[in-house]
C-alpha atoms as a PDB file:
ATOM      1  CA  MET A   1     110.235 124.348 149.173  1.00  0.00           C
ATOM      2  CA  PRO A   2     112.979 126.888 148.387  1.00  0.00           C
ATOM      3  CA  SER A   3     113.152 128.655 145.031  1.00  0.00           C
ATOM      4  CA  TYR A   4     116.210 128.174 142.839  1.00  0.00           C
ATOM      5  CA  HIS A   5     118.589 130.958 141.832  1.00  0.00           C
ATOM      6  CA  ASN A   6     121.970 129.457 140.845  1.00  0.00           C
ATOM      7  CA  ILE A   7     121.176 127.115 138.011  1.00  0.00           C
ATOM      8  CA  GLY A   8     123.117 125.094 135.482  1.00  0.00           C
ATOM      9  CA  ILE A   9     121.764 123.804 132.177  1.00  0.00           C
ATOM     10  CA  VAL A  10     123.293 120.627 130.751  1.00  0.00           C
ATOM     11  CA  HIS A  11     122.227 120.162 127.142  1.00  0.00           C
ATOM     12  CA  HIS A  12     122.879 117.568 124.454  1.00  0.00           C
ATOM     13  CA  GLY A  13     125.881 118.821 122.517  1.00  0.00           C
ATOM     14  CA  LEU A  14     124.861 117.231 119.211  1.00  0.00           C
ATOM     15  CA  LEU A  15     121.356 118.690 119.164  1.00  0.00           C
ATOM     16  CA  ALA A  16     121.396 122.307 117.998  1.00  0.00           C
ATOM     17  CA  GLU A  17     117.821 122.778 119.206  1.00  0.00           C
ATOM     18  CA  ALA A  18     118.848 121.726 122.711  1.00  0.00           C
ATOM     19  CA  GLY A  19     121.485 124.458 122.836  1.00  0.00           C
ATOM     20  CA  GLU A  20     119.015 127.008 121.471  1.00  0.00           C
ATOM     21  CA  LEU A  21     116.426 126.045 124.071  1.00  0.00           C
ATOM     22  CA  ALA A  22     119.057 126.354 126.816  1.00  0.00           C
ATOM     23  CA  GLN A  23     119.859 129.913 125.723  1.00  0.00           C
ATOM     24  CA  THR A  24     116.165 130.827 125.552  1.00  0.00           C
ATOM     25  CA  ILE A  25     115.467 129.453 129.046  1.00  0.00           C
ATOM     26  CA  ALA A  26     118.414 131.330 130.553  1.00  0.00           C
ATOM     27  CA  SER A  27     117.333 134.633 128.980  1.00  0.00           C
ATOM     28  CA  THR A  28     113.642 134.150 129.800  1.00  0.00           C
ATOM     29  CA  TYR A  29     114.310 133.502 133.477  1.00  0.00           C
ATOM     30  CA  ALA A  30     117.370 135.729 133.870  1.00  0.00           C
ATOM     31  CA  GLU A  31     115.949 138.155 136.411  1.00  0.00           C
ATOM     32  CA  GLY A  32     117.240 137.409 139.900  1.00  0.00           C
ATOM     33  CA  ARG A  33     119.026 134.234 138.779  1.00  0.00           C
ATOM     34  CA  THR A  34     122.515 133.182 137.727  1.00  0.00           C
ATOM     35  CA  TRP A  35     122.802 130.663 134.897  1.00  0.00           C
ATOM     36  CA  TRP A  36     125.636 128.597 133.410  1.00  0.00           C
ATOM     37  CA  LEU A  37     125.395 126.373 130.350  1.00  0.00           C
ATOM     38  CA  ALA A  38     127.368 123.255 129.411  1.00  0.00           C
ATOM     39  CA  THR A  39     127.160 120.302 127.083  1.00  0.00           C
ATOM     40  CA  GLN A  40     127.525 116.742 128.389  1.00  0.00           C
ATOM     41  CA  SER A  41     131.220 116.684 127.453  1.00  0.00           C
ATOM     42  CA  ASP A  42     131.942 120.060 129.107  1.00  0.00           C
ATOM     43  CA  LEU A  43     130.721 119.131 132.572  1.00  0.00           C
ATOM     44  CA  HIS A  44     134.178 118.257 133.891  1.00  0.00           C
ATOM     45  CA  GLU A  45     135.167 121.913 133.321  1.00  0.00           C
ATOM     46  CA  ARG A  46     132.319 123.269 135.459  1.00  0.00           C
ATOM     47  CA  GLU A  47     133.454 122.294 138.930  1.00  0.00           C
ATOM     48  CA  ASN A  48     133.531 125.899 140.181  1.00  0.00           C
ATOM     49  CA  GLU A  49     129.984 126.567 138.990  1.00  0.00           C
ATOM     50  CA  LEU A  50     128.696 123.269 140.386  1.00  0.00           C
ATOM     51  CA  VAL A  51     129.850 124.111 143.899  1.00  0.00           C
ATOM     52  CA  ASN A  52     127.461 127.059 144.062  1.00  0.00           C
ATOM     53  CA  SER A  53     124.565 125.576 142.068  1.00  0.00           C
ATOM     54  CA  ASP A  54     121.206 124.727 143.644  1.00  0.00           C
ATOM     55  CA  LEU A  55     119.553 123.184 140.545  1.00  0.00           C
ATOM     56  CA  ILE A  56     120.525 121.526 137.265  1.00  0.00           C
ATOM     57  CA  VAL A  57     118.246 121.526 134.228  1.00  0.00           C
ATOM     58  CA  THR A  58     119.011 118.897 131.596  1.00  0.00           C
ATOM     59  CA  ILE A  59     117.873 119.181 127.984  1.00  0.00           C
ATOM     60  CA  GLY A  60     118.054 116.047 125.861  1.00  0.00           C
ATOM     61  CA  GLY A  61     117.171 112.419 126.438  1.00  0.00           C
ATOM     62  CA  ASP A  62     117.761 110.079 129.361  1.00  0.00           C
ATOM     63  CA  GLY A  63     121.461 109.908 128.438  1.00  0.00           C
ATOM     64  CA  THR A  64     121.806 113.628 129.124  1.00  0.00           C
ATOM     65  CA  ILE A  65     120.019 113.212 132.453  1.00  0.00           C
ATOM     66  CA  LEU A  66     122.342 110.364 133.447  1.00  0.00           C
ATOM     67  CA  ARG A  67     125.420 112.508 132.853  1.00  0.00           C
ATOM     68  CA  GLY A  68     123.903 115.388 134.758  1.00  0.00           C
ATOM     69  CA  ALA A  69     122.881 113.106 137.602  1.00  0.00           C
ATOM     70  CA  HIS A  70     126.414 111.831 138.092  1.00  0.00           C
ATOM     71  CA  VAL A  71     127.750 115.297 138.865  1.00  0.00           C
ATOM     72  CA  ALA A  72     124.631 116.505 140.700  1.00  0.00           C
ATOM     73  CA  ALA A  73     124.255 113.522 143.043  1.00  0.00           C
ATOM     74  CA  ALA A  74     127.709 113.997 144.561  1.00  0.00           C
ATOM     75  CA  LYS A  75     126.747 117.532 145.593  1.00  0.00           C
ATOM     76  CA  ASP A  76     123.090 116.844 146.441  1.00  0.00           C
ATOM     77  CA  ILE A  77     121.845 119.133 143.662  1.00  0.00           C
ATOM     78  CA  PRO A  78     118.340 118.344 142.360  1.00  0.00           C
ATOM     79  CA  ILE A  79     117.645 117.889 138.645  1.00  0.00           C
ATOM     80  CA  VAL A  80     114.707 118.672 136.407  1.00  0.00           C
ATOM     81  CA  GLY A  81     114.763 117.025 132.993  1.00  0.00           C
ATOM     82  CA  VAL A  82     113.477 118.537 129.723  1.00  0.00           C
ATOM     83  CA  ASN A  83     112.814 115.764 127.238  1.00  0.00           C
ATOM     84  CA  MET A  84     114.052 115.933 123.651  1.00  0.00           C
ATOM     85  CA  GLY A  85     114.459 112.173 123.348  1.00  0.00           C
ATOM     86  CA  ARG A  86     112.083 109.467 122.186  1.00  0.00           C
ATOM     87  CA  VAL A  87     110.826 108.159 125.527  1.00  0.00           C
ATOM     88  CA  GLY A  88     112.332 110.157 128.381  1.00  0.00           C
ATOM     89  CA  PHE A  89     111.304 108.125 131.418  1.00  0.00           C
ATOM     90  CA  MET A  90     113.317 110.346 133.779  1.00  0.00           C
ATOM     91  CA  SER A  91     112.247 113.705 132.324  1.00  0.00           C
ATOM     92  CA  ASP A  92     109.439 115.804 133.776  1.00  0.00           C
ATOM     93  CA  ILE A  93     108.899 118.427 131.052  1.00  0.00           C
ATOM     94  CA  GLU A  94     108.503 118.061 127.296  1.00  0.00           C
ATOM     95  CA  ALA A  95     110.670 120.419 125.225  1.00  0.00           C
ATOM     96  CA  LYS A  96     107.654 122.182 123.667  1.00  0.00           C
ATOM     97  CA  ASP A  97     106.386 123.103 127.149  1.00  0.00           C
ATOM     98  CA  ALA A  98     109.705 124.035 128.754  1.00  0.00           C
ATOM     99  CA  ILE A  99     109.515 127.831 128.467  1.00  0.00           C
ATOM    100  CA  ALA A 100     105.981 128.002 129.843  1.00  0.00           C
ATOM    101  CA  GLU A 101     106.345 125.418 132.620  1.00  0.00           C
ATOM    102  CA  LEU A 102     109.879 125.757 133.968  1.00  0.00           C
ATOM    103  CA  GLY A 103     109.094 128.834 136.051  1.00  0.00           C
ATOM    104  CA  TRP A 104     106.782 126.759 138.257  1.00  0.00           C
ATOM    105  CA  TYR A 105     109.748 124.532 139.185  1.00  0.00           C
ATOM    106  CA  LEU A 106     112.143 127.444 139.695  1.00  0.00           C
ATOM    107  CA  GLU A 107     109.740 128.987 142.200  1.00  0.00           C
ATOM    108  CA  GLY A 108     110.050 125.905 144.423  1.00  0.00           C
ATOM    109  CA  ASN A 109     106.643 124.334 143.849  1.00  0.00           C
ATOM    110  CA  ALA A 110     107.803 120.833 142.895  1.00  0.00           C
ATOM    111  CA  ARG A 111     108.257 117.878 145.192  1.00  0.00           C
ATOM    112  CA  VAL A 112     111.716 116.267 145.421  1.00  0.00           C
ATOM    113  CA  GLU A 113     111.951 112.584 144.489  1.00  0.00           C
ATOM    114  CA  ARG A 114     114.975 110.465 145.432  1.00  0.00           C
ATOM    115  CA  ARG A 115     116.231 107.836 143.005  1.00  0.00           C
ATOM    116  CA  TYR A 116     118.716 105.389 144.515  1.00  0.00           C
ATOM    117  CA  MET A 117     121.978 104.536 142.789  1.00  0.00           C
ATOM    118  CA  LEU A 118     124.243 101.496 142.611  1.00  0.00           C
ATOM    119  CA  ASN A 119     127.800 101.420 143.885  1.00  0.00           C
ATOM    120  CA  ALA A 120     130.223  99.099 142.040  1.00  0.00           C
ATOM    121  CA  THR A 121     133.837  98.191 142.837  1.00  0.00           C
ATOM    122  CA  ILE A 122     136.276  95.964 140.929  1.00  0.00           C
ATOM    123  CA  SER A 123     138.401  93.515 142.904  1.00  0.00           C
ATOM    124  CA  GLY A 124     141.973  94.699 143.264  1.00  0.00           C
ATOM    125  CA  ASP A 125     141.141  98.054 141.699  1.00  0.00           C
ATOM    126  CA  ASN A 126     142.268 101.248 143.383  1.00  0.00           C
ATOM    127  CA  HIS A 127     139.765 103.447 141.544  1.00  0.00           C
ATOM    128  CA  LYS A 128     136.953 105.184 143.367  1.00  0.00           C
ATOM    129  CA  PRO A 129     133.636 103.302 143.526  1.00  0.00           C
ATOM    130  CA  ILE A 130     131.629 103.500 140.311  1.00  0.00           C
ATOM    131  CA  LEU A 131     128.147 104.984 140.707  1.00  0.00           C
ATOM    132  CA  ALA A 132     125.225 104.158 138.434  1.00  0.00           C
ATOM    133  CA  LEU A 133     121.717 105.595 138.368  1.00  0.00           C
ATOM    134  CA  ASN A 134     120.430 103.135 135.748  1.00  0.00           C
ATOM    135  CA  ASP A 135     122.493  99.959 135.695  1.00  0.00           C
ATOM    136  CA  VAL A 136     125.819  98.193 135.918  1.00  0.00           C
ATOM    137  CA  THR A 137     126.488  95.607 133.216  1.00  0.00           C
ATOM    138  CA  VAL A 138     129.171  92.943 132.966  1.00  0.00           C
ATOM    139  CA  ALA A 139     129.157  91.829 129.347  1.00  0.00           C
ATOM    140  CA  ARG A 140     131.335  90.381 126.613  1.00  0.00           C
ATOM    141  CA  GLY A 141     133.983  92.607 125.063  1.00  0.00           C
ATOM    142  CA  ALA A 142     134.668  93.318 121.408  1.00  0.00           C
ATOM    143  CA  VAL A 143     135.088  89.635 120.498  1.00  0.00           C
ATOM    144  CA  LEU A 144     131.771  88.029 119.532  1.00  0.00           C
ATOM    145  CA  ARG A 145     131.957  85.105 121.957  1.00  0.00           C
ATOM    146  CA  VAL A 146     129.969  84.116 125.011  1.00  0.00           C
ATOM    147  CA  ILE A 147     131.312  84.707 128.493  1.00  0.00           C
ATOM    148  CA  GLU A 148     130.579  83.036 131.795  1.00  0.00           C
ATOM    149  CA  VAL A 149     129.574  85.213 134.727  1.00  0.00           C
ATOM    150  CA  SER A 150     129.256  83.713 138.200  1.00  0.00           C
ATOM    151  CA  THR A 151     126.512  85.528 140.096  1.00  0.00           C
ATOM    152  CA  VAL A 152     126.561  85.486 143.900  1.00  0.00           C
ATOM    153  CA  ILE A 153     123.936  87.217 146.055  1.00  0.00           C
ATOM    154  CA  ASP A 154     124.671  87.843 149.734  1.00  0.00           C
ATOM    155  CA  GLY A 155     127.297  85.092 149.675  1.00  0.00           C
ATOM    156  CA  VAL A 156     125.013  82.505 148.022  1.00  0.00           C
ATOM    157  CA  HIS A 157     125.688  81.344 144.468  1.00  0.00           C
ATOM    158  CA  LEU A 158     122.635  82.068 142.293  1.00  0.00           C
ATOM    159  CA  ALA A 159     123.887  80.923 138.874  1.00  0.00           C
ATOM    160  CA  THR A 160     126.756  80.961 136.419  1.00  0.00           C
ATOM    161  CA  TYR A 161     125.303  82.533 133.316  1.00  0.00           C
ATOM    162  CA  ARG A 162     126.797  81.625 129.951  1.00  0.00           C
ATOM    163  CA  GLY A 163     125.869  84.189 127.325  1.00  0.00           C
ATOM    164  CA  ASP A 164     126.395  87.897 126.671  1.00  0.00           C
ATOM    165  CA  GLY A 165     126.552  88.914 130.328  1.00  0.00           C
ATOM    166  CA  VAL A 166     124.506  90.121 133.291  1.00  0.00           C
ATOM    167  CA  VAL A 167     122.828  93.458 133.997  1.00  0.00           C
ATOM    168  CA  VAL A 168     122.231  94.732 137.528  1.00  0.00           C
ATOM    169  CA  SER A 169     119.641  97.495 137.462  1.00  0.00           C
ATOM    170  CA  THR A 170     118.275 100.060 139.868  1.00  0.00           C
ATOM    171  CA  ALA A 171     114.552 100.688 140.125  1.00  0.00           C
ATOM    172  CA  THR A 172     115.108 103.700 137.857  1.00  0.00           C
ATOM    173  CA  GLY A 173     116.977 101.565 135.335  1.00  0.00           C
ATOM    174  CA  SER A 174     114.229  98.952 135.294  1.00  0.00           C
ATOM    175  CA  THR A 175     112.619 100.969 132.458  1.00  0.00           C
ATOM    176  CA  GLY A 176     115.863 100.846 130.443  1.00  0.00           C
ATOM    177  CA  TYR A 177     118.102  97.960 129.397  1.00  0.00           C
ATOM    178  CA  SER A 178     116.462  95.581 131.860  1.00  0.00           C
ATOM    179  CA  LEU A 179     113.004  96.252 130.403  1.00  0.00           C
ATOM    180  CA  ALA A 180     114.359  95.599 126.896  1.00  0.00           C
ATOM    181  CA  LEU A 181     115.559  92.220 128.170  1.00  0.00           C
ATOM    182  CA  GLY A 182     112.071  91.336 129.414  1.00  0.00           C
ATOM    183  CA  GLY A 183     112.632  92.294 133.031  1.00  0.00           C
ATOM    184  CA  PRO A 184     109.980  93.802 135.348  1.00  0.00           C
ATOM    185  CA  VAL A 185     109.408  97.500 136.005  1.00  0.00           C
ATOM    186  CA  MET A 186     109.946  98.547 139.622  1.00  0.00           C
ATOM    187  CA  ASP A 187     108.574 101.478 141.568  1.00  0.00           C
ATOM    188  CA  PRO A 188     111.197 104.162 140.776  1.00  0.00           C
ATOM    189  CA  THR A 189     111.604 105.275 144.401  1.00  0.00           C
ATOM    190  CA  SER A 190     112.349 101.760 145.603  1.00  0.00           C
ATOM    191  CA  GLY A 191     115.761 101.104 147.128  1.00  0.00           C
ATOM    192  CA  GLY A 192     115.725  97.549 145.801  1.00  0.00           C
ATOM    193  CA  PHE A 193     117.431  96.484 142.600  1.00  0.00           C
ATOM    194  CA  LEU A 194     117.379  93.572 140.170  1.00  0.00           C
ATOM    195  CA  VAL A 195     119.633  91.089 138.351  1.00  0.00           C
ATOM    196  CA  LYS A 196     118.896  89.950 134.781  1.00  0.00           C
ATOM    197  CA  PRO A 197     120.988  87.722 132.449  1.00  0.00           C
ATOM    198  CA  ILE A 198     121.657  88.872 128.874  1.00  0.00           C
ATOM    199  CA  ALA A 199     121.115  86.505 125.927  1.00  0.00           C
ATOM    200  CA  THR A 200     121.576  83.238 127.788  1.00  0.00           C
ATOM    201  CA  HIS A 201     119.541  80.043 127.623  1.00  0.00           C
ATOM    202  CA  MET A 202     117.839  81.517 130.694  1.00  0.00           C
ATOM    203  CA  SER A 203     117.060  84.859 129.014  1.00  0.00           C
ATOM    204  CA  GLN A 204     113.333  84.312 129.502  1.00  0.00           C
ATOM    205  CA  PHE A 205     114.008  84.044 133.235  1.00  0.00           C
ATOM    206  CA  GLY A 206     112.596  87.308 134.621  1.00  0.00           C
ATOM    207  CA  GLY A 207     115.556  87.826 136.904  1.00  0.00           C
ATOM    208  CA  VAL A 208     115.561  88.440 140.639  1.00  0.00           C
ATOM    209  CA  ILE A 209     114.572  91.534 142.609  1.00  0.00           C
ATOM    210  CA  LEU A 210     116.763  92.199 145.646  1.00  0.00           C
ATOM    211  CA  GLN A 211     116.267  94.174 148.809  1.00  0.00           C
ATOM    212  CA  ALA A 212     118.262  97.369 149.304  1.00  0.00           C
ATOM    213  CA  SER A 213     120.736  95.758 151.722  1.00  0.00           C
ATOM    214  CA  SER A 214     121.805  92.992 149.323  1.00  0.00           C
ATOM    215  CA  THR A 215     125.229  92.577 147.729  1.00  0.00           C
ATOM    216  CA  VAL A 216     125.786  91.145 144.252  1.00  0.00           C
ATOM    217  CA  GLU A 217     129.148  89.751 143.115  1.00  0.00           C
ATOM    218  CA  LEU A 218     129.722  89.129 139.404  1.00  0.00           C
ATOM    219  CA  THR A 219     132.876  87.188 138.496  1.00  0.00           C
ATOM    220  CA  VAL A 220     134.098  86.706 134.935  1.00  0.00           C
ATOM    221  CA  GLN A 221     135.025  83.034 134.597  1.00  0.00           C
ATOM    222  CA  ALA A 222     135.643  82.580 130.860  1.00  0.00           C
ATOM    223  CA  ASP A 223     138.987  83.364 129.250  1.00  0.00           C
ATOM    224  CA  GLU A 224     137.504  86.013 126.996  1.00  0.00           C
ATOM    225  CA  GLU A 225     137.778  89.714 127.723  1.00  0.00           C
ATOM    226  CA  ALA A 226     134.738  91.342 129.314  1.00  0.00           C
ATOM    227  CA  THR A 227     133.592  94.895 129.987  1.00  0.00           C
ATOM    228  CA  LEU A 228     131.997  96.647 132.929  1.00  0.00           C
ATOM    229  CA  ASN A 229     129.654  99.397 131.803  1.00  0.00           C
ATOM    230  CA  ALA A 230     127.831 101.830 134.074  1.00  0.00           C
ATOM    231  CA  ASP A 231     124.925 103.927 132.777  1.00  0.00           C
ATOM    232  CA  GLY A 232     125.955 103.469 129.161  1.00  0.00           C
ATOM    233  CA  PHE A 233     128.963 105.796 129.222  1.00  0.00           C
ATOM    234  CA  ILE A 234     131.441 104.528 131.855  1.00  0.00           C
ATOM    235  CA  ASP A 235     133.555 101.556 130.734  1.00  0.00           C
ATOM    236  CA  TYR A 236     136.231  99.388 132.328  1.00  0.00           C
ATOM    237  CA  ARG A 237     137.948  96.308 130.951  1.00  0.00           C
ATOM    238  CA  LEU A 238     137.577  93.124 133.019  1.00  0.00           C
ATOM    239  CA  ASP A 239     139.916  90.128 132.883  1.00  0.00           C
ATOM    240  CA  ALA A 240     139.043  86.529 133.721  1.00  0.00           C
ATOM    241  CA  GLY A 241     138.767  86.043 137.476  1.00  0.00           C
ATOM    242  CA  GLU A 242     137.966  89.671 138.287  1.00  0.00           C
ATOM    243  CA  THR A 243     134.919  90.298 140.463  1.00  0.00           C
ATOM    244  CA  VAL A 244     132.572  93.270 140.423  1.00  0.00           C
ATOM    245  CA  LYS A 245     130.882  93.899 143.770  1.00  0.00           C
ATOM    246  CA  ILE A 246     127.618  95.841 143.549  1.00  0.00           C
ATOM    247  CA  THR A 247     125.558  97.334 146.370  1.00  0.00           C
ATOM    248  CA  GLN A 248     122.903  99.971 146.868  1.00  0.00           C
ATOM    249  CA  ALA A 249     124.931 101.946 149.361  1.00  0.00           C
ATOM    250  CA  GLY A 250     122.543 104.834 149.972  1.00  0.00           C
ATOM    251  CA  ASP A 251     123.721 107.138 147.180  1.00  0.00           C
ATOM    252  CA  TYR A 252     120.877 108.844 145.347  1.00  0.00           C
ATOM    253  CA  ALA A 253     119.990 111.457 142.745  1.00  0.00           C
ATOM    254  CA  SER A 254     117.196 113.965 143.405  1.00  0.00           C
ATOM    255  CA  PHE A 255     114.595 114.967 140.809  1.00  0.00           C
ATOM    256  CA  LEU A 256     111.965 117.691 140.833  1.00  0.00           C
ATOM    257  CA  ARG A 257     108.480 116.358 140.065  1.00  0.00           C
ATOM    258  CA  ARG A 258     105.151 118.030 139.359  1.00  0.00           C
ATOM    259  CA  LYS A 259     102.803 115.047 139.485  1.00  0.00           C
ATOM    260  CA  PRO A 260     102.124 112.713 142.446  1.00  0.00           C
ATOM    261  CA  ALA A 261     104.388 109.664 142.668  1.00  0.00           C
ATOM    262  CA  ALA A 262     101.602 107.266 141.637  1.00  0.00           C
ATOM    263  CA  GLU A 263     101.356 109.011 138.248  1.00  0.00           C
ATOM    264  CA  PHE A 264     104.568 107.196 137.261  1.00  0.00           C
ATOM    265  CA  TRP A 265     102.445 104.199 136.242  1.00  0.00           C
ATOM    266  CA  GLY A 266     100.211 106.283 134.029  1.00  0.00           C
ATOM    267  CA  GLU A 267     103.245 107.884 132.395  1.00  0.00           C
ATOM    268  CA  LEU A 268     104.766 104.441 131.918  1.00  0.00           C
ATOM    269  CA  SER A 269     101.735 103.136 130.063  1.00  0.00           C
ATOM    270  CA  ARG A 270     101.521 106.312 127.972  1.00  0.00           C
ATOM    271  CA  ARG A 271     105.188 106.285 126.956  1.00  0.00           C
ATOM    272  CA  LEU A 272     105.097 102.575 126.099  1.00  0.00           C
ATOM    273  CA  GLY A 273     101.802 102.885 124.229  1.00  0.00           C
ATOM    274  CA  LEU A 274     100.014 100.499 126.577  1.00  0.00           C
ATOM    275  CA  ARG A 275      97.019 102.659 127.468  1.00  0.00           C
ATOM    276  CA  LYS A 276      94.022 102.060 125.225  1.00  0.00           C
ATOM    277  CA  GLY A 277      90.558 103.546 125.299  1.00  0.00           C
ATOM    278  CA  SER A 278      88.746 105.260 128.150  1.00  0.00           C
ATOM    279  CA  ARG A 279      89.569 104.881 131.848  1.00  0.00           C
ATOM    280  CA  GLU A 280      85.866 104.790 132.687  1.00  0.00           C
ATOM    281  CA  LYS A 281      84.461 101.509 133.908  1.00  0.00           C
ATOM    282  CA  PRO A 282      82.091  99.835 131.426  1.00  0.00           C
ATOM    283  CA  ARG A 283      78.439  99.930 132.376  1.00  0.00           C
ATOM    284  CA  ARG A 284      76.744  96.680 133.252  1.00  0.00           C
ATOM    285  CA  ARG A 285      74.221  95.539 130.765  1.00  0.00           C
ATOM    286  CA  ARG A 286      70.715  94.904 132.052  1.00  0.00           C
ATOM    287  CA  ILE A 287      69.385  91.400 131.438  1.00  0.00           C
END
């Protein structure tokens, strides 16, 4: 693997310690490398630096990683996440270990892991396709009333959900909003994705997992205003009758990883507090 020399750091703008850590990392690993620093809100001003970057380091929670991933994926720049959040499913380094461990990644020792993204378009909309690393959600707007969302998969009507909306999640996003709704966790490198209703009479329904080639169409059928949200920070208003078409069109974000891919499940149980006791098998008692 190549080493990395032109590196950007995207840090959480509201966390002073994230900015301080960014400065410390850049000064610690300054020799032979070019660094630029930006907050999440400053990224749109860094187009010139992004063109020449070969790595992005994010410092914050998963929200910071999502914003970094949106700009990095378009230019095929890998990301390594430093976690300052509560859970940090997408991060690979804890903040307290960042200074000591980051050099190993910069020297090109890490494997590269692809995480597939969703591609969403709104019927009759001339905007560019909307990309999402975590999820695309069609949900009720500001008015506290239920909406109806017709859900069609590969041309076949699955259901018309009446409730707060529908979330379509990537494998990466299966540990986010979808998991909070009671959905399953998917292997993060999977190209498949899943559909889960939000606060409907079928909320206990685990949802459906789709193959990578599937297409989902969500149509707002109630008269109330609805909202399309992608990754928690991209929002569009939807009117009754508008359809959101969602595919996994081959777009992906790349992450640097230290541990083998199978260790995801151990990290999952650790972060969710599921792992109890020793991993050793109990001894059989003699009779």
